[in-house]
Amino acid sequence: MQLPPQIIPIQHAGHAALRLATRHGSAIVALQGAHLLSWVPAGQHDVFWLSPQSPPAPAAIRGGVPVCWPWFAKQDRPESAAQHGPVRNLRWQVNAVHASSDDEVSLTLAPCPDAAQAGDLATLAPGLAVSLRITLGRTLAQRLTTRNLGDAPFALTQALHSYFAVSDAAHVRIDGLEGLAYQDKLRGMAPGVQHTPFALAEACDRIYHHPAAQSAQVPGHRYTLVDAAWQRQVVVETHGSQSVVVWNPGREGARRMADVPDEGWRDYFCIEAANAGPDVVALAPGAEHALAQELSII
């Protein structure tokens, strides 16, 4: 496909990638997994953390924004299932681009349709088609769309697993979780309620969920990662989602992870737009669902 001058092929962190650029900043997306590796707004440093110990392709990339699809973690899947689904290890291709000016550029990617990949997806996600649109302008937006082209319903869980770079994970807070119930994965899915803005006391792996929508129109939600040391706030606005995952492995967890430096846990915090926990999408034949996030910097 002919690419506009705002999108150029590059190599980044050992991965074949595309660099998007506008007057508002730049972003880099790897063709493996349609994995967003970097977003640098004009005048800022990178919004995302990428592990210096991330293994080479085709292993899953640690950092950036992995696409977890068509299941999150191993929810409702056997222990042998791939963590966070298969597509983050697959090759994707560009199906569409749009660049009308130096203000905004977007591209849409989908898994490559070669026989081996198509066979894997047909077995693991029967009847489903997935695409991801990434738009870079004043903000950065991702829209993960799933269509059920089959004749059977599918229970869909998924996430945009964002690793946000921070000055020190032990000294940031997350606004927008107050009043939400959560399941604590580190405590056997024990329930709890967040009463104050979130601050990390130790390792955290929680699925927060909003009350069920009272109408067919599901509202959007807003979370803010406040980093006083860097004088920066990252605003995460989600749509198509009633849940959000908050994760940091803490010191001991990081030491057990081969692709994270021992003190690397301090360098990032994950706030993940998700359909997870009780927020399972019952995708009927002929239906589609979009999980989206829009990120901005204050």
C-alpha atoms as a PDB file:
ATOM      1  CA  MET A   1       0.000   0.000   0.000  1.00  0.00           C
ATOM      2  CA  GLN A   2       1.237   3.516  -0.850  1.00  0.00           C
ATOM      3  CA  LEU A   3       1.963   5.350   2.383  1.00  0.00           C
ATOM      4  CA  PRO A   4       1.656   9.138   2.751  1.00  0.00           C
ATOM      5  CA  PRO A   5       4.746  11.132   3.806  1.00  0.00           C
ATOM      6  CA  GLN A   6       3.384  11.322   7.371  1.00  0.00           C
ATOM      7  CA  ILE A   7       3.937   7.530   7.722  1.00  0.00           C
ATOM      8  CA  ILE A   8       7.353   5.972   7.105  1.00  0.00           C
ATOM      9  CA  PRO A   9       8.659   2.397   7.623  1.00  0.00           C
ATOM     10  CA  ILE A  10      11.419   2.140  10.241  1.00  0.00           C
ATOM     11  CA  GLN A  11      13.080  -0.337  12.589  1.00  0.00           C
ATOM     12  CA  HIS A  12      12.458   0.379  16.277  1.00  0.00           C
ATOM     13  CA  ALA A  13      13.663  -1.652  19.255  1.00  0.00           C
ATOM     14  CA  GLY A  14      14.369  -4.540  16.886  1.00  0.00           C
ATOM     15  CA  HIS A  15      10.914  -4.520  15.277  1.00  0.00           C
ATOM     16  CA  ALA A  16       9.670  -3.618  11.810  1.00  0.00           C
ATOM     17  CA  ALA A  17       7.479  -0.613  12.467  1.00  0.00           C
ATOM     18  CA  LEU A  18       5.773   2.461  11.075  1.00  0.00           C
ATOM     19  CA  ARG A  19       6.431   5.983  12.330  1.00  0.00           C
ATOM     20  CA  LEU A  20       3.508   8.406  12.237  1.00  0.00           C
ATOM     21  CA  ALA A  21       4.230  12.121  12.462  1.00  0.00           C
ATOM     22  CA  THR A  22       2.151  15.298  12.634  1.00  0.00           C
ATOM     23  CA  ARG A  23       2.931  18.764  13.903  1.00  0.00           C
ATOM     24  CA  HIS A  24       1.577  17.584  17.256  1.00  0.00           C
ATOM     25  CA  GLY A  25       4.119  14.782  17.736  1.00  0.00           C
ATOM     26  CA  SER A  26       5.006  11.273  16.626  1.00  0.00           C
ATOM     27  CA  ALA A  27       4.012   7.667  17.291  1.00  0.00           C
ATOM     28  CA  ILE A  28       5.545   4.314  16.377  1.00  0.00           C
ATOM     29  CA  VAL A  29       3.578   1.101  15.816  1.00  0.00           C
ATOM     30  CA  ALA A  30       5.165  -2.324  15.329  1.00  0.00           C
ATOM     31  CA  LEU A  31       3.710  -4.560  12.642  1.00  0.00           C
ATOM     32  CA  GLN A  32       3.947  -7.446  15.109  1.00  0.00           C
ATOM     33  CA  GLY A  33       0.682  -7.311  17.022  1.00  0.00           C
ATOM     34  CA  ALA A  34      -0.232  -3.791  15.783  1.00  0.00           C
ATOM     35  CA  HIS A  35       1.677  -2.927  18.934  1.00  0.00           C
ATOM     36  CA  LEU A  36       1.996   0.770  19.739  1.00  0.00           C
ATOM     37  CA  LEU A  37       5.610   1.240  20.900  1.00  0.00           C
ATOM     38  CA  SER A  38       5.917   4.981  21.361  1.00  0.00           C
ATOM     39  CA  TRP A  39       3.994   8.248  21.497  1.00  0.00           C
ATOM     40  CA  VAL A  40       5.946  11.477  21.889  1.00  0.00           C
ATOM     41  CA  PRO A  41       3.712  14.580  21.942  1.00  0.00           C
ATOM     42  CA  ALA A  42       5.475  17.762  20.812  1.00  0.00           C
ATOM     43  CA  GLY A  43       7.609  19.102  23.647  1.00  0.00           C
ATOM     44  CA  GLN A  44       7.167  15.974  25.810  1.00  0.00           C
ATOM     45  CA  HIS A  45       9.076  12.795  26.467  1.00  0.00           C
ATOM     46  CA  ASP A  46       7.584   9.422  25.576  1.00  0.00           C
ATOM     47  CA  VAL A  47       4.186   8.646  27.105  1.00  0.00           C
ATOM     48  CA  PHE A  48       4.866   4.892  26.979  1.00  0.00           C
ATOM     49  CA  TRP A  49       7.444   2.689  28.652  1.00  0.00           C
ATOM     50  CA  LEU A  50       9.154  -0.011  26.598  1.00  0.00           C
ATOM     51  CA  SER A  51      11.265  -2.580  28.406  1.00  0.00           C
ATOM     52  CA  PRO A  52      14.977  -2.562  27.507  1.00  0.00           C
ATOM     53  CA  GLN A  53      14.825  -6.328  28.108  1.00  0.00           C
ATOM     54  CA  SER A  54      11.878  -7.045  25.816  1.00  0.00           C
ATOM     55  CA  PRO A  55      12.697 -10.191  23.789  1.00  0.00           C
ATOM     56  CA  PRO A  56      12.940 -10.175  19.973  1.00  0.00           C
ATOM     57  CA  ALA A  57      10.074 -11.147  17.672  1.00  0.00           C
ATOM     58  CA  PRO A  58       7.994 -13.238  17.619  1.00  0.00           C
ATOM     59  CA  ALA A  59       7.918 -13.177  21.444  1.00  0.00           C
ATOM     60  CA  ALA A  60       5.387 -10.810  23.016  1.00  0.00           C
ATOM     61  CA  ILE A  61       6.662  -7.238  23.402  1.00  0.00           C
ATOM     62  CA  ARG A  62       6.844  -5.901  26.953  1.00  0.00           C
ATOM     63  CA  GLY A  63       5.670  -2.287  27.153  1.00  0.00           C
ATOM     64  CA  GLY A  64       3.885   0.127  24.847  1.00  0.00           C
ATOM     65  CA  VAL A  65       0.287  -0.940  24.209  1.00  0.00           C
ATOM     66  CA  PRO A  66      -0.170  -4.670  23.580  1.00  0.00           C
ATOM     67  CA  VAL A  67      -3.474  -5.727  22.006  1.00  0.00           C
ATOM     68  CA  CYS A  68      -5.057  -8.427  24.185  1.00  0.00           C
ATOM     69  CA  TRP A  69      -7.657 -10.234  22.031  1.00  0.00           C
ATOM     70  CA  PRO A  70     -10.008 -12.193  21.909  1.00  0.00           C
ATOM     71  CA  TRP A  71      -9.507 -12.850  25.591  1.00  0.00           C
ATOM     72  CA  PHE A  72      -7.934 -10.946  28.463  1.00  0.00           C
ATOM     73  CA  ALA A  73      -5.324 -12.821  30.566  1.00  0.00           C
ATOM     74  CA  LYS A  74      -6.762 -16.355  30.468  1.00  0.00           C
ATOM     75  CA  GLN A  75     -10.274 -15.387  31.485  1.00  0.00           C
ATOM     76  CA  ASP A  76     -12.654 -18.309  30.867  1.00  0.00           C
ATOM     77  CA  ARG A  77      -9.846 -20.120  28.994  1.00  0.00           C
ATOM     78  CA  PRO A  78      -7.847 -23.257  29.840  1.00  0.00           C
ATOM     79  CA  GLU A  79      -4.472 -22.883  31.524  1.00  0.00           C
ATOM     80  CA  SER A  80      -2.805 -23.861  28.238  1.00  0.00           C
ATOM     81  CA  ALA A  81      -4.258 -20.808  26.446  1.00  0.00           C
ATOM     82  CA  ALA A  82      -1.888 -18.040  25.342  1.00  0.00           C
ATOM     83  CA  GLN A  83      -1.737 -15.239  27.898  1.00  0.00           C
ATOM     84  CA  HIS A  84      -3.826 -12.318  26.572  1.00  0.00           C
ATOM     85  CA  GLY A  85      -4.721 -14.151  23.346  1.00  0.00           C
ATOM     86  CA  PRO A  86      -2.765 -14.841  20.150  1.00  0.00           C
ATOM     87  CA  VAL A  87      -2.806 -11.617  18.130  1.00  0.00           C
ATOM     88  CA  ARG A  88      -0.015  -9.783  19.927  1.00  0.00           C
ATOM     89  CA  ASN A  89       2.391 -12.365  18.494  1.00  0.00           C
ATOM     90  CA  LEU A  90       1.003 -12.260  14.941  1.00  0.00           C
ATOM     91  CA  ARG A  91       1.969 -10.109  11.973  1.00  0.00           C
ATOM     92  CA  TRP A  92      -0.487  -7.350  11.060  1.00  0.00           C
ATOM     93  CA  GLN A  93      -0.774  -5.333   7.868  1.00  0.00           C
ATOM     94  CA  VAL A  94      -2.021  -1.868   6.995  1.00  0.00           C
ATOM     95  CA  ASN A  95      -5.455  -1.985   5.354  1.00  0.00           C
ATOM     96  CA  ALA A  96      -6.221   1.742   5.208  1.00  0.00           C
ATOM     97  CA  VAL A  97      -4.548   5.105   5.800  1.00  0.00           C
ATOM     98  CA  HIS A  98      -5.830   8.648   6.061  1.00  0.00           C
ATOM     99  CA  ALA A  99      -3.689  11.791   6.205  1.00  0.00           C
ATOM    100  CA  SER A 100      -5.440  14.946   5.102  1.00  0.00           C
ATOM    101  CA  SER A 101      -2.935  17.409   6.600  1.00  0.00           C
ATOM    102  CA  ASP A 102      -0.085  17.695   9.077  1.00  0.00           C
ATOM    103  CA  ASP A 103      -2.676  17.929  11.874  1.00  0.00           C
ATOM    104  CA  GLU A 104      -3.828  14.291  11.927  1.00  0.00           C
ATOM    105  CA  VAL A 105      -2.942  10.924  10.458  1.00  0.00           C
ATOM    106  CA  SER A 106      -4.495   7.519  10.981  1.00  0.00           C
ATOM    107  CA  LEU A 107      -4.032   3.973   9.848  1.00  0.00           C
ATOM    108  CA  THR A 108      -6.068   0.785  10.201  1.00  0.00           C
ATOM    109  CA  LEU A 109      -4.355  -2.574  10.671  1.00  0.00           C
ATOM    110  CA  ALA A 110      -5.592  -6.167  10.683  1.00  0.00           C
ATOM    111  CA  PRO A 111      -3.848  -9.531  11.086  1.00  0.00           C
ATOM    112  CA  CYS A 112      -2.154 -10.701   7.885  1.00  0.00           C
ATOM    113  CA  PRO A 113      -4.368 -13.234   6.076  1.00  0.00           C
ATOM    114  CA  ASP A 114      -1.693 -15.856   5.383  1.00  0.00           C
ATOM    115  CA  ALA A 115      -2.769 -19.476   5.745  1.00  0.00           C
ATOM    116  CA  ALA A 116      -1.033 -20.292   9.043  1.00  0.00           C
ATOM    117  CA  GLN A 117      -2.265 -17.198  10.866  1.00  0.00           C
ATOM    118  CA  ALA A 118      -5.752 -17.479   9.399  1.00  0.00           C
ATOM    119  CA  GLY A 119      -5.910 -21.097  10.529  1.00  0.00           C
ATOM    120  CA  ASP A 120      -4.913 -20.195  14.076  1.00  0.00           C
ATOM    121  CA  LEU A 121      -7.469 -17.412  14.341  1.00  0.00           C
ATOM    122  CA  ALA A 122     -10.211 -19.506  12.763  1.00  0.00           C
ATOM    123  CA  THR A 123      -9.669 -22.081  15.498  1.00  0.00           C
ATOM    124  CA  LEU A 124      -9.233 -19.701  18.438  1.00  0.00           C
ATOM    125  CA  ALA A 125     -11.687 -16.981  17.399  1.00  0.00           C
ATOM    126  CA  PRO A 126     -14.167 -18.705  15.072  1.00  0.00           C
ATOM    127  CA  GLY A 127     -16.068 -16.279  12.865  1.00  0.00           C
ATOM    128  CA  LEU A 128     -14.392 -13.176  14.274  1.00  0.00           C
ATOM    129  CA  ALA A 129     -12.644 -10.393  12.376  1.00  0.00           C
ATOM    130  CA  VAL A 130     -10.569  -7.775  14.190  1.00  0.00           C
ATOM    131  CA  SER A 131      -9.025  -4.449  13.187  1.00  0.00           C
ATOM    132  CA  LEU A 132      -7.275  -1.627  15.009  1.00  0.00           C
ATOM    133  CA  ARG A 133      -7.404   2.022  13.979  1.00  0.00           C
ATOM    134  CA  ILE A 134      -4.713   4.328  15.387  1.00  0.00           C
ATOM    135  CA  THR A 135      -5.157   8.088  15.018  1.00  0.00           C
ATOM    136  CA  LEU A 136      -2.443  10.606  15.852  1.00  0.00           C
ATOM    137  CA  GLY A 137      -3.331  14.264  16.173  1.00  0.00           C
ATOM    138  CA  ARG A 138      -3.595  16.516  19.204  1.00  0.00           C
ATOM    139  CA  THR A 139      -4.443  13.291  21.034  1.00  0.00           C
ATOM    140  CA  LEU A 140      -3.693   9.656  20.358  1.00  0.00           C
ATOM    141  CA  ALA A 141      -6.664   7.340  19.819  1.00  0.00           C
ATOM    142  CA  GLN A 142      -7.033   3.599  19.338  1.00  0.00           C
ATOM    143  CA  ARG A 143     -10.196   1.795  18.283  1.00  0.00           C
ATOM    144  CA  LEU A 144     -10.225  -2.012  18.388  1.00  0.00           C
ATOM    145  CA  THR A 145     -13.210  -3.316  16.403  1.00  0.00           C
ATOM    146  CA  THR A 146     -14.443  -6.908  16.452  1.00  0.00           C
ATOM    147  CA  ARG A 147     -17.044  -8.241  14.045  1.00  0.00           C
ATOM    148  CA  ASN A 148     -18.766 -11.593  14.422  1.00  0.00           C
ATOM    149  CA  LEU A 149     -19.098 -12.938  10.892  1.00  0.00           C
ATOM    150  CA  GLY A 150     -19.932 -16.440  12.100  1.00  0.00           C
ATOM    151  CA  ASP A 151     -23.169 -18.125  13.058  1.00  0.00           C
ATOM    152  CA  ALA A 152     -22.537 -18.582  16.801  1.00  0.00           C
ATOM    153  CA  PRO A 153     -22.225 -16.059  19.642  1.00  0.00           C
ATOM    154  CA  PHE A 154     -18.787 -15.378  21.128  1.00  0.00           C
ATOM    155  CA  ALA A 155     -17.902 -14.313  24.700  1.00  0.00           C
ATOM    156  CA  LEU A 156     -15.310 -11.587  24.077  1.00  0.00           C
ATOM    157  CA  THR A 157     -12.846 -10.215  26.620  1.00  0.00           C
ATOM    158  CA  GLN A 158      -9.992  -7.913  25.585  1.00  0.00           C
ATOM    159  CA  ALA A 159      -7.790  -4.959  26.507  1.00  0.00           C
ATOM    160  CA  LEU A 160      -5.565  -2.179  25.266  1.00  0.00           C
ATOM    161  CA  HIS A 161      -2.821  -2.918  27.801  1.00  0.00           C
ATOM    162  CA  SER A 162      -1.141   0.510  28.096  1.00  0.00           C
ATOM    163  CA  TYR A 163       2.214   0.797  29.902  1.00  0.00           C
ATOM    164  CA  PHE A 164       2.499   4.477  30.823  1.00  0.00           C
ATOM    165  CA  ALA A 165       5.980   5.821  31.577  1.00  0.00           C
ATOM    166  CA  VAL A 166       6.166   7.503  34.995  1.00  0.00           C
ATOM    167  CA  SER A 167       8.798   9.155  37.168  1.00  0.00           C
ATOM    168  CA  ASP A 168       8.245   6.589  39.954  1.00  0.00           C
ATOM    169  CA  ALA A 169       5.270   4.238  40.211  1.00  0.00           C
ATOM    170  CA  ALA A 170       5.392   4.552  44.002  1.00  0.00           C
ATOM    171  CA  HIS A 171       4.738   8.306  43.785  1.00  0.00           C
ATOM    172  CA  VAL A 172       1.945   8.737  41.235  1.00  0.00           C
ATOM    173  CA  ARG A 173      -1.806   8.540  41.668  1.00  0.00           C
ATOM    174  CA  ILE A 174      -4.794   7.602  39.513  1.00  0.00           C
ATOM    175  CA  ASP A 175      -7.971   9.692  39.645  1.00  0.00           C
ATOM    176  CA  GLY A 176     -11.319   8.427  38.355  1.00  0.00           C
ATOM    177  CA  LEU A 177     -11.475   5.103  40.211  1.00  0.00           C
ATOM    178  CA  GLU A 178     -13.178   6.483  43.308  1.00  0.00           C
ATOM    179  CA  GLY A 179     -16.344   4.612  44.230  1.00  0.00           C
ATOM    180  CA  LEU A 180     -15.681   1.703  41.874  1.00  0.00           C
ATOM    181  CA  ALA A 181     -15.834  -1.921  42.937  1.00  0.00           C
ATOM    182  CA  TYR A 182     -12.906  -4.121  41.983  1.00  0.00           C
ATOM    183  CA  GLN A 183     -11.658  -7.682  41.932  1.00  0.00           C
ATOM    184  CA  ASP A 184      -8.145  -8.152  43.307  1.00  0.00           C
ATOM    185  CA  LYS A 185      -6.334 -10.792  41.250  1.00  0.00           C
ATOM    186  CA  LEU A 186      -3.446 -10.933  43.734  1.00  0.00           C
ATOM    187  CA  ARG A 187      -5.886 -11.963  46.471  1.00  0.00           C
ATOM    188  CA  GLY A 188      -7.859 -14.644  44.716  1.00  0.00           C
ATOM    189  CA  MET A 189     -10.249 -12.155  43.023  1.00  0.00           C
ATOM    190  CA  ALA A 190     -11.303 -10.817  46.441  1.00  0.00           C
ATOM    191  CA  PRO A 191     -13.811  -7.939  46.068  1.00  0.00           C
ATOM    192  CA  GLY A 192     -13.198  -4.411  47.270  1.00  0.00           C
ATOM    193  CA  VAL A 193     -14.218  -0.792  46.722  1.00  0.00           C
ATOM    194  CA  GLN A 194     -11.874   2.100  45.930  1.00  0.00           C
ATOM    195  CA  HIS A 195     -12.699   4.970  48.299  1.00  0.00           C
ATOM    196  CA  THR A 196      -9.878   7.403  47.458  1.00  0.00           C
ATOM    197  CA  PRO A 197      -7.653   8.217  44.475  1.00  0.00           C
ATOM    198  CA  PHE A 198      -5.419   5.210  43.808  1.00  0.00           C
ATOM    199  CA  ALA A 199      -1.814   5.194  45.013  1.00  0.00           C
ATOM    200  CA  LEU A 200       0.457   2.170  44.906  1.00  0.00           C
ATOM    201  CA  ALA A 201       1.293   0.639  48.291  1.00  0.00           C
ATOM    202  CA  GLU A 202       2.625  -2.629  46.857  1.00  0.00           C
ATOM    203  CA  ALA A 203       2.079  -4.787  43.781  1.00  0.00           C
ATOM    204  CA  CYS A 204      -1.370  -4.292  42.281  1.00  0.00           C
ATOM    205  CA  ASP A 205      -3.471  -6.259  39.782  1.00  0.00           C
ATOM    206  CA  ARG A 206      -7.108  -5.181  39.930  1.00  0.00           C
ATOM    207  CA  ILE A 207     -10.086  -5.207  37.579  1.00  0.00           C
ATOM    208  CA  TYR A 208     -12.275  -2.191  38.379  1.00  0.00           C
ATOM    209  CA  HIS A 209     -15.806  -2.198  37.030  1.00  0.00           C
ATOM    210  CA  HIS A 210     -18.525   0.377  36.607  1.00  0.00           C
ATOM    211  CA  PRO A 211     -22.159  -0.426  37.399  1.00  0.00           C
ATOM    212  CA  ALA A 212     -24.090  -1.913  34.489  1.00  0.00           C
ATOM    213  CA  ALA A 213     -25.412   0.754  32.121  1.00  0.00           C
ATOM    214  CA  GLN A 214     -29.093   1.484  32.569  1.00  0.00           C
ATOM    215  CA  SER A 215     -29.616   1.962  28.828  1.00  0.00           C
ATOM    216  CA  ALA A 216     -28.255   0.606  25.575  1.00  0.00           C
ATOM    217  CA  GLN A 217     -25.950   3.640  25.386  1.00  0.00           C
ATOM    218  CA  VAL A 218     -22.823   2.783  27.391  1.00  0.00           C
ATOM    219  CA  PRO A 219     -21.154   5.960  28.689  1.00  0.00           C
ATOM    220  CA  GLY A 220     -17.501   6.754  28.264  1.00  0.00           C
ATOM    221  CA  HIS A 221     -15.175   6.834  31.264  1.00  0.00           C
ATOM    222  CA  ARG A 222     -12.211   9.001  32.200  1.00  0.00           C
ATOM    223  CA  TYR A 223      -9.129   8.203  34.296  1.00  0.00           C
ATOM    224  CA  THR A 224      -6.164  10.462  35.004  1.00  0.00           C
ATOM    225  CA  LEU A 225      -2.617   9.375  35.837  1.00  0.00           C
ATOM    226  CA  VAL A 226      -1.124  12.223  37.880  1.00  0.00           C
ATOM    227  CA  ASP A 227       2.678  12.426  37.937  1.00  0.00           C
ATOM    228  CA  ALA A 228       3.695  15.400  40.061  1.00  0.00           C
ATOM    229  CA  ALA A 229       7.457  14.878  39.641  1.00  0.00           C
ATOM    230  CA  TRP A 230       7.169  15.101  35.866  1.00  0.00           C
ATOM    231  CA  GLN A 231       4.470  17.796  36.098  1.00  0.00           C
ATOM    232  CA  ARG A 232       2.344  15.708  33.784  1.00  0.00           C
ATOM    233  CA  GLN A 233      -1.126  14.213  33.739  1.00  0.00           C
ATOM    234  CA  VAL A 234      -2.083  11.476  31.271  1.00  0.00           C
ATOM    235  CA  VAL A 235      -5.835  11.449  30.622  1.00  0.00           C
ATOM    236  CA  VAL A 236      -7.345   8.147  29.471  1.00  0.00           C
ATOM    237  CA  GLU A 237     -10.880   8.300  28.044  1.00  0.00           C
ATOM    238  CA  THR A 238     -12.447   4.933  27.233  1.00  0.00           C
ATOM    239  CA  HIS A 239     -15.499   3.836  25.273  1.00  0.00           C
ATOM    240  CA  GLY A 240     -17.094   0.427  24.793  1.00  0.00           C
ATOM    241  CA  SER A 241     -15.799  -0.566  28.198  1.00  0.00           C
ATOM    242  CA  GLN A 242     -17.266  -0.892  31.675  1.00  0.00           C
ATOM    243  CA  SER A 243     -14.007  -2.093  33.215  1.00  0.00           C
ATOM    244  CA  VAL A 244     -10.432  -0.893  33.611  1.00  0.00           C
ATOM    245  CA  VAL A 245      -7.397  -2.861  34.750  1.00  0.00           C
ATOM    246  CA  VAL A 246      -4.758  -1.302  37.008  1.00  0.00           C
ATOM    247  CA  TRP A 247      -1.485  -3.238  37.212  1.00  0.00           C
ATOM    248  CA  ASN A 248       2.034  -2.904  38.501  1.00  0.00           C
ATOM    249  CA  PRO A 249       4.059  -5.987  39.528  1.00  0.00           C
ATOM    250  CA  GLY A 250       5.925  -4.267  42.364  1.00  0.00           C
ATOM    251  CA  ARG A 251       9.515  -5.023  43.313  1.00  0.00           C
ATOM    252  CA  GLU A 252       9.143  -8.757  43.958  1.00  0.00           C
ATOM    253  CA  GLY A 253       6.974  -9.309  40.904  1.00  0.00           C
ATOM    254  CA  ALA A 254       9.442  -7.521  38.635  1.00  0.00           C
ATOM    255  CA  ARG A 255      12.294  -9.685  39.909  1.00  0.00           C
ATOM    256  CA  ARG A 256      10.399 -12.755  38.715  1.00  0.00           C
ATOM    257  CA  MET A 257       9.944 -11.325  35.194  1.00  0.00           C
ATOM    258  CA  ALA A 258      12.765 -11.999  32.735  1.00  0.00           C
ATOM    259  CA  ASP A 259      11.774  -9.110  30.457  1.00  0.00           C
ATOM    260  CA  VAL A 260      11.574  -6.409  33.168  1.00  0.00           C
ATOM    261  CA  PRO A 261      14.637  -4.976  34.968  1.00  0.00           C
ATOM    262  CA  ASP A 262      14.569  -5.609  38.720  1.00  0.00           C
ATOM    263  CA  GLU A 263      13.785  -1.941  39.412  1.00  0.00           C
ATOM    264  CA  GLY A 264      11.851  -1.487  36.168  1.00  0.00           C
ATOM    265  CA  TRP A 265       8.519  -1.627  38.002  1.00  0.00           C
ATOM    266  CA  ARG A 266       9.153   1.959  39.115  1.00  0.00           C
ATOM    267  CA  ASP A 267       9.245   3.174  35.508  1.00  0.00           C
ATOM    268  CA  TYR A 268       5.676   2.396  34.426  1.00  0.00           C
ATOM    269  CA  PHE A 269       2.073   2.003  35.465  1.00  0.00           C
ATOM    270  CA  CYS A 270      -0.551   0.096  33.488  1.00  0.00           C
ATOM    271  CA  ILE A 271      -4.049   1.518  33.067  1.00  0.00           C
ATOM    272  CA  GLU A 272      -5.822  -0.781  30.642  1.00  0.00           C
ATOM    273  CA  ALA A 273      -9.038  -0.025  28.775  1.00  0.00           C
ATOM    274  CA  ALA A 274     -10.713  -3.407  28.931  1.00  0.00           C
ATOM    275  CA  ASN A 275     -13.665  -5.709  28.684  1.00  0.00           C
ATOM    276  CA  ALA A 276     -12.680  -8.019  31.538  1.00  0.00           C
ATOM    277  CA  GLY A 277     -13.939  -9.481  34.792  1.00  0.00           C
ATOM    278  CA  PRO A 278     -17.737  -9.139  34.790  1.00  0.00           C
ATOM    279  CA  ASP A 279     -17.555  -6.929  31.678  1.00  0.00           C
ATOM    280  CA  VAL A 280     -17.805  -9.694  29.057  1.00  0.00           C
ATOM    281  CA  VAL A 281     -19.109  -8.762  25.590  1.00  0.00           C
ATOM    282  CA  ALA A 282     -21.692 -11.266  24.338  1.00  0.00           C
ATOM    283  CA  LEU A 283     -21.066 -10.779  20.624  1.00  0.00           C
ATOM    284  CA  ALA A 284     -23.996 -12.145  18.636  1.00  0.00           C
ATOM    285  CA  PRO A 285     -23.720 -13.308  15.003  1.00  0.00           C
ATOM    286  CA  GLY A 286     -23.688 -10.246  12.750  1.00  0.00           C
ATOM    287  CA  ALA A 287     -22.825  -7.888  15.619  1.00  0.00           C
ATOM    288  CA  GLU A 288     -19.740  -5.763  16.180  1.00  0.00           C
ATOM    289  CA  HIS A 289     -18.135  -4.149  19.211  1.00  0.00           C
ATOM    290  CA  ALA A 290     -15.491  -1.443  19.506  1.00  0.00           C
ATOM    291  CA  LEU A 291     -13.194  -0.932  22.473  1.00  0.00           C
ATOM    292  CA  ALA A 292     -11.610   2.507  22.266  1.00  0.00           C
ATOM    293  CA  GLN A 293      -9.326   4.815  24.182  1.00  0.00           C
ATOM    294  CA  GLU A 294      -8.243   8.398  23.587  1.00  0.00           C
ATOM    295  CA  LEU A 295      -5.135   9.668  25.355  1.00  0.00           C
ATOM    296  CA  SER A 296      -4.223  13.267  26.029  1.00  0.00           C
ATOM    297  CA  ILE A 297      -1.572  15.101  28.040  1.00  0.00           C
ATOM    298  CA  ILE A 298      -2.051  17.927  30.521  1.00  0.00           C
END
